PDB file of N, CA and C in Angstrom:
ATOM      1  N   MET A   1     113.028 110.145  93.710  1.00  0.00           N
ATOM      2  CA  MET A   1     113.936 109.700  94.741  1.00  0.00           C
ATOM      3  C   MET A   1     113.405 110.169  96.073  1.00  0.00           C
ATOM      4  N   ASP A   2     113.353 109.264  97.028  1.00  0.00           N
ATOM      5  CA  ASP A   2     112.951 109.562  98.399  1.00  0.00           C
ATOM      6  C   ASP A   2     114.189 110.058  99.136  1.00  0.00           C
ATOM      7  N   VAL A   3     114.240 111.346  99.416  1.00  0.00           N
ATOM      8  CA  VAL A   3     115.440 111.914 100.024  1.00  0.00           C
ATOM      9  C   VAL A   3     115.568 111.550 101.501  1.00  0.00           C
ATOM     10  N   LEU A   4     114.463 111.247 102.181  1.00  0.00           N
ATOM     11  CA  LEU A   4     114.534 110.881 103.595  1.00  0.00           C
ATOM     12  C   LEU A   4     115.145 109.491 103.783  1.00  0.00           C
ATOM     13  N   GLN A   5     114.814 108.578 102.884  1.00  0.00           N
ATOM     14  CA  GLN A   5     115.332 107.215 102.986  1.00  0.00           C
ATOM     15  C   GLN A   5     116.471 106.940 102.007  1.00  0.00           C
ATOM     16  N   ASP A   6     116.805 107.925 101.173  1.00  0.00           N
ATOM     17  CA  ASP A   6     117.866 107.785 100.169  1.00  0.00           C
ATOM     18  C   ASP A   6     117.622 106.553  99.292  1.00  0.00           C
ATOM     19  N   ARG A   7     116.400 106.449  98.776  1.00  0.00           N
ATOM     20  CA  ARG A   7     116.007 105.320  97.936  1.00  0.00           C
ATOM     21  C   ARG A   7     115.450 105.833  96.618  1.00  0.00           C
ATOM     22  N   VAL A   8     115.791 105.137  95.563  1.00  0.00           N
ATOM     23  CA  VAL A   8     115.256 105.450  94.242  1.00  0.00           C
ATOM     24  C   VAL A   8     114.042 104.556  94.016  1.00  0.00           C
ATOM     25  N   GLY A   9     112.952 105.157  93.582  1.00  0.00           N
ATOM     26  CA  GLY A   9     111.750 104.386  93.317  1.00  0.00           C
ATOM     27  C   GLY A   9     110.979 104.980  92.153  1.00  0.00           C
ATOM     28  N   GLU A  10     110.137 104.147  91.563  1.00  0.00           N
ATOM     29  CA  GLU A  10     109.263 104.589  90.485  1.00  0.00           C
ATOM     30  C   GLU A  10     107.952 105.070  91.083  1.00  0.00           C
ATOM     31  N   PHE A  11     107.445 106.159  90.566  1.00  0.00           N
ATOM     32  CA  PHE A  11     106.157 106.668  91.006  1.00  0.00           C
ATOM     33  C   PHE A  11     105.063 105.719  90.554  1.00  0.00           C
ATOM     34  N   ARG A  12     104.225 105.276  91.481  1.00  0.00           N
ATOM     35  CA  ARG A  12     103.156 104.342  91.154  1.00  0.00           C
ATOM     36  C   ARG A  12     101.769 104.952  91.277  1.00  0.00           C
ATOM     37  N   GLY A  13     101.662 106.042  92.025  1.00  0.00           N
ATOM     38  CA  GLY A  13     100.361 106.672  92.152  1.00  0.00           C
ATOM     39  C   GLY A  13     100.282 107.547  93.394  1.00  0.00           C
ATOM     40  N   GLU A  14      99.126 108.163  93.545  1.00  0.00           N
ATOM     41  CA  GLU A  14      98.899 109.080  94.665  1.00  0.00           C
ATOM     42  C   GLU A  14      97.586 108.707  95.326  1.00  0.00           C
ATOM     43  N   TRP A  15      97.557 108.750  96.647  1.00  0.00           N
ATOM     44  CA  TRP A  15      96.350 108.432  97.386  1.00  0.00           C
ATOM     45  C   TRP A  15      96.324 109.276  98.644  1.00  0.00           C
ATOM     46  N   PHE A  16      95.319 110.116  98.796  1.00  0.00           N
ATOM     47  CA  PHE A  16      95.139 110.975  99.967  1.00  0.00           C
ATOM     48  C   PHE A  16      96.374 111.816 100.266  1.00  0.00           C
ATOM     49  N   GLY A  17      96.996 112.336  99.228  1.00  0.00           N
ATOM     50  CA  GLY A  17      98.132 113.234  99.411  1.00  0.00           C
ATOM     51  C   GLY A  17      99.474 112.555  99.601  1.00  0.00           C
ATOM     52  N   LEU A  18      99.514 111.236  99.613  1.00  0.00           N
ATOM     53  CA  LEU A  18     100.788 110.509  99.715  1.00  0.00           C
ATOM     54  C   LEU A  18     101.117 109.916  98.358  1.00  0.00           C
ATOM     55  N   TRP A  19     102.389 109.870  98.044  1.00  0.00           N
ATOM     56  CA  TRP A  19     102.842 109.237  96.811  1.00  0.00           C
ATOM     57  C   TRP A  19     103.331 107.839  97.130  1.00  0.00           C
ATOM     58  N   TYR A  20     103.083 106.916  96.228  1.00  0.00           N
ATOM     59  CA  TYR A  20     103.545 105.541  96.360  1.00  0.00           C
ATOM     60  C   TYR A  20     104.704 105.329  95.395  1.00  0.00           C
ATOM     61  N   LEU A  21     105.813 104.891  95.929  1.00  0.00           N
ATOM     62  CA  LEU A  21     106.990 104.580  95.123  1.00  0.00           C
ATOM     63  C   LEU A  21     107.266 103.089  95.236  1.00  0.00           C
ATOM     64  N   ARG A  22     107.853 102.540  94.193  1.00  0.00           N
ATOM     65  CA  ARG A  22     108.210 101.119  94.182  1.00  0.00           C
ATOM     66  C   ARG A  22     109.670 100.999  93.795  1.00  0.00           C
ATOM     67  N   PRO A  23     110.422 100.125  94.453  1.00  0.00           N
ATOM     68  CA  PRO A  23     111.823  99.946  94.061  1.00  0.00           C
ATOM     69  C   PRO A  23     111.923  99.576  92.579  1.00  0.00           C
ATOM     70  N   VAL A  24     112.934 100.065  91.934  1.00  0.00           N
ATOM     71  CA  VAL A  24     113.109  99.833  90.501  1.00  0.00           C
ATOM     72  C   VAL A  24     113.288  98.348  90.207  1.00  0.00           C
ATOM     73  N   THR A  25     113.911  97.624  91.103  1.00  0.00           N
ATOM     74  CA  THR A  25     114.150  96.193  90.889  1.00  0.00           C
ATOM     75  C   THR A  25     112.999  95.335  91.387  1.00  0.00           C
ATOM     76  N   GLY A  26     111.888  95.944  91.739  1.00  0.00           N
ATOM     77  CA  GLY A  26     110.724  95.216  92.225  1.00  0.00           C
ATOM     78  C   GLY A  26     110.689  95.212  93.745  1.00  0.00           C
ATOM     79  N   GLY A  27     109.574  94.830  94.266  1.00  0.00           N
ATOM     80  CA  GLY A  27     109.443  94.775  95.717  1.00  0.00           C
ATOM     81  C   GLY A  27     108.233  95.555  96.193  1.00  0.00           C
ATOM     82  N   THR A  28     108.196  95.772  97.479  1.00  0.00           N
ATOM     83  CA  THR A  28     107.064  96.409  98.124  1.00  0.00           C
ATOM     84  C   THR A  28     107.098  97.922  97.968  1.00  0.00           C
ATOM     85  N   GLU A  29     105.954  98.473  97.651  1.00  0.00           N
ATOM     86  CA  GLU A  29     105.837  99.923  97.552  1.00  0.00           C
ATOM     87  C   GLU A  29     105.972 100.548  98.933  1.00  0.00           C
ATOM     88  N   TRP A  30     106.367 101.821  98.938  1.00  0.00           N
ATOM     89  CA  TRP A  30     106.370 102.586 100.175  1.00  0.00           C
ATOM     90  C   TRP A  30     105.789 103.954  99.895  1.00  0.00           C
ATOM     91  N   THR A  31     105.336 104.619 100.936  1.00  0.00           N
ATOM     92  CA  THR A  31     104.701 105.921 100.772  1.00  0.00           C
ATOM     93  C   THR A  31     105.664 107.027 101.172  1.00  0.00           C
ATOM     94  N   VAL A  32     105.511 108.154 100.500  1.00  0.00           N
ATOM     95  CA  VAL A  32     106.312 109.336 100.814  1.00  0.00           C
ATOM     96  C   VAL A  32     105.428 110.570 100.715  1.00  0.00           C
ATOM     97  N   VAL A  33     105.815 111.592 101.424  1.00  0.00           N
ATOM     98  CA  VAL A  33     105.189 112.896 101.283  1.00  0.00           C
ATOM     99  C   VAL A  33     105.818 113.540 100.049  1.00  0.00           C
ATOM    100  N   PRO A  34     105.024 114.107  99.147  1.00  0.00           N
ATOM    101  CA  PRO A  34     105.590 114.660  97.912  1.00  0.00           C
ATOM    102  C   PRO A  34     106.754 115.622  98.134  1.00  0.00           C
ATOM    103  N   GLY A  35     106.760 116.361  99.223  1.00  0.00           N
ATOM    104  CA  GLY A  35     107.838 117.303  99.486  1.00  0.00           C
ATOM    105  C   GLY A  35     109.165 116.661  99.842  1.00  0.00           C
ATOM    106  N   SER A  36     109.157 115.354 100.118  1.00  0.00           N
ATOM    107  CA  SER A  36     110.401 114.678 100.478  1.00  0.00           C
ATOM    108  C   SER A  36     110.979 113.889  99.310  1.00  0.00           C
ATOM    109  N   THR A  37     110.632 114.294  98.092  1.00  0.00           N
ATOM    110  CA  THR A  37     111.157 113.624  96.900  1.00  0.00           C
ATOM    111  C   THR A  37     111.852 114.644  96.008  1.00  0.00           C
ATOM    112  N   ARG A  38     112.660 114.119  95.124  1.00  0.00           N
ATOM    113  CA  ARG A  38     113.306 114.944  94.113  1.00  0.00           C
ATOM    114  C   ARG A  38     113.587 114.057  92.908  1.00  0.00           C
ATOM    115  N   PRO A  39     113.751 114.648  91.750  1.00  0.00           N
ATOM    116  CA  PRO A  39     114.095 113.846  90.571  1.00  0.00           C
ATOM    117  C   PRO A  39     115.476 113.196  90.750  1.00  0.00           C
ATOM    118  N   VAL A  40     115.647 112.054  90.136  1.00  0.00           N
ATOM    119  CA  VAL A  40     116.946 111.391  90.201  1.00  0.00           C
ATOM    120  C   VAL A  40     117.926 112.063  89.255  1.00  0.00           C
ATOM    121  N   THR A  41     119.198 111.905  89.556  1.00  0.00           N
ATOM    122  CA  THR A  41     120.244 112.411  88.664  1.00  0.00           C
ATOM    123  C   THR A  41     120.419 111.417  87.517  1.00  0.00           C
ATOM    124  N   PRO A  42     121.058 111.822  86.437  1.00  0.00           N
ATOM    125  CA  PRO A  42     121.312 110.866  85.346  1.00  0.00           C
ATOM    126  C   PRO A  42     122.090 109.634  85.824  1.00  0.00           C
ATOM    127  N   GLU A  43     123.020 109.814  86.729  1.00  0.00           N
ATOM    128  CA  GLU A  43     123.786 108.674  87.258  1.00  0.00           C
ATOM    129  C   GLU A  43     122.890 107.721  88.040  1.00  0.00           C
ATOM    130  N   GLN A  44     122.021 108.261  88.868  1.00  0.00           N
ATOM    131  CA  GLN A  44     121.107 107.412  89.634  1.00  0.00           C
ATOM    132  C   GLN A  44     120.147 106.668  88.715  1.00  0.00           C
ATOM    133  N   ARG A  45     119.680 107.326  87.668  1.00  0.00           N
ATOM    134  CA  ARG A  45     118.787 106.674  86.705  1.00  0.00           C
ATOM    135  C   ARG A  45     119.496 105.507  86.022  1.00  0.00           C
ATOM    136  N   LEU A  46     120.743 105.715  85.596  1.00  0.00           N
ATOM    137  CA  LEU A  46     121.507 104.658  84.943  1.00  0.00           C
ATOM    138  C   LEU A  46     121.718 103.475  85.880  1.00  0.00           C
ATOM    139  N   ARG A  47     122.058 103.753  87.132  1.00  0.00           N
ATOM    140  CA  ARG A  47     122.237 102.669  88.102  1.00  0.00           C
ATOM    141  C   ARG A  47     120.952 101.882  88.311  1.00  0.00           C
ATOM    142  N   ALA A  48     119.826 102.584  88.409  1.00  0.00           N
ATOM    143  CA  ALA A  48     118.544 101.920  88.606  1.00  0.00           C
ATOM    144  C   ALA A  48     118.180 101.061  87.392  1.00  0.00           C
ATOM    145  N   GLU A  49     118.397 101.579  86.201  1.00  0.00           N
ATOM    146  CA  GLU A  49     118.095 100.809  84.993  1.00  0.00           C
ATOM    147  C   GLU A  49     118.987  99.580  84.894  1.00  0.00           C
ATOM    148  N   THR A  50     120.246  99.727  85.255  1.00  0.00           N
ATOM    149  CA  THR A  50     121.172  98.580  85.239  1.00  0.00           C
ATOM    150  C   THR A  50     120.744  97.538  86.264  1.00  0.00           C
ATOM    151  N   ALA A  51     120.349  97.985  87.449  1.00  0.00           N
ATOM    152  CA  ALA A  51     119.891  97.055  88.484  1.00  0.00           C
ATOM    153  C   ALA A  51     118.652  96.297  88.014  1.00  0.00           C
ATOM    154  N   ARG A  52     117.749  96.980  87.327  1.00  0.00           N
ATOM    155  CA  ARG A  52     116.538  96.326  86.818  1.00  0.00           C
ATOM    156  C   ARG A  52     116.893  95.271  85.773  1.00  0.00           C
ATOM    157  N   ARG A  53     117.782  95.620  84.859  1.00  0.00           N
ATOM    158  CA  ARG A  53     118.182  94.652  83.818  1.00  0.00           C
ATOM    159  C   ARG A  53     118.885  93.444  84.426  1.00  0.00           C
ATOM    160  N   ASN A  54     119.729  93.675  85.414  1.00  0.00           N
ATOM    161  CA  ASN A  54     120.412  92.564  86.075  1.00  0.00           C
ATOM    162  C   ASN A  54     119.421  91.655  86.790  1.00  0.00           C
ATOM    163  N   ALA A  55     118.444  92.244  87.467  1.00  0.00           N
ATOM    164  CA  ALA A  55     117.433  91.439  88.157  1.00  0.00           C
ATOM    165  C   ALA A  55     116.642  90.608  87.156  1.00  0.00           C
ATOM    166  N   ARG A  56     116.300  91.213  86.039  1.00  0.00           N
ATOM    167  CA  ARG A  56     115.551  90.499  85.013  1.00  0.00           C
ATOM    168  C   ARG A  56     116.376  89.343  84.435  1.00  0.00           C
ATOM    169  N   SER A  57     117.676  89.570  84.237  1.00  0.00           N
ATOM    170  CA  SER A  57     118.521  88.509  83.668  1.00  0.00           C
ATOM    171  C   SER A  57     118.688  87.340  84.633  1.00  0.00           C
ATOM    172  N   ARG A  58     118.530  87.607  85.925  1.00  0.00           N
ATOM    173  CA  ARG A  58     118.607  86.542  86.932  1.00  0.00           C
ATOM    174  C   ARG A  58     117.259  85.852  87.109  1.00  0.00           C
ATOM    175  N   GLY A  59     116.240  86.320  86.397  1.00  0.00           N
ATOM    176  CA  GLY A  59     114.924  85.695  86.472  1.00  0.00           C
ATOM    177  C   GLY A  59     114.094  86.151  87.655  1.00  0.00           C
ATOM    178  N   GLU A  60     114.480  87.230  88.296  1.00  0.00           N
ATOM    179  CA  GLU A  60     113.717  87.727  89.444  1.00  0.00           C
ATOM    180  C   GLU A  60     112.428  88.378  88.954  1.00  0.00           C
ATOM    181  N   LEU A  61     111.402  88.264  89.752  1.00  0.00           N
ATOM    182  CA  LEU A  61     110.126  88.889  89.427  1.00  0.00           C
ATOM    183  C   LEU A  61     110.221  90.377  89.693  1.00  0.00           C
ATOM    184  N   LEU A  62     109.720  91.167  88.767  1.00  0.00           N
ATOM    185  CA  LEU A  62     109.745  92.620  88.933  1.00  0.00           C
ATOM    186  C   LEU A  62     108.352  93.156  89.075  1.00  0.00           C
TER     187      LEU A  62
END
């Protein structure tokens, strides 16, 4: 979770000390400094998984 932007994202990789996160429902990656992240809570994880399933059921590209 990016605490500066209050966004939940999946870790996609690291490049030159920056982490790349991607929205759970798909979309453009964004970069964060590793110190500005924290693990998601169980509630946030459930919401993200539900959002992903809903997007998939609507036929959206992920």
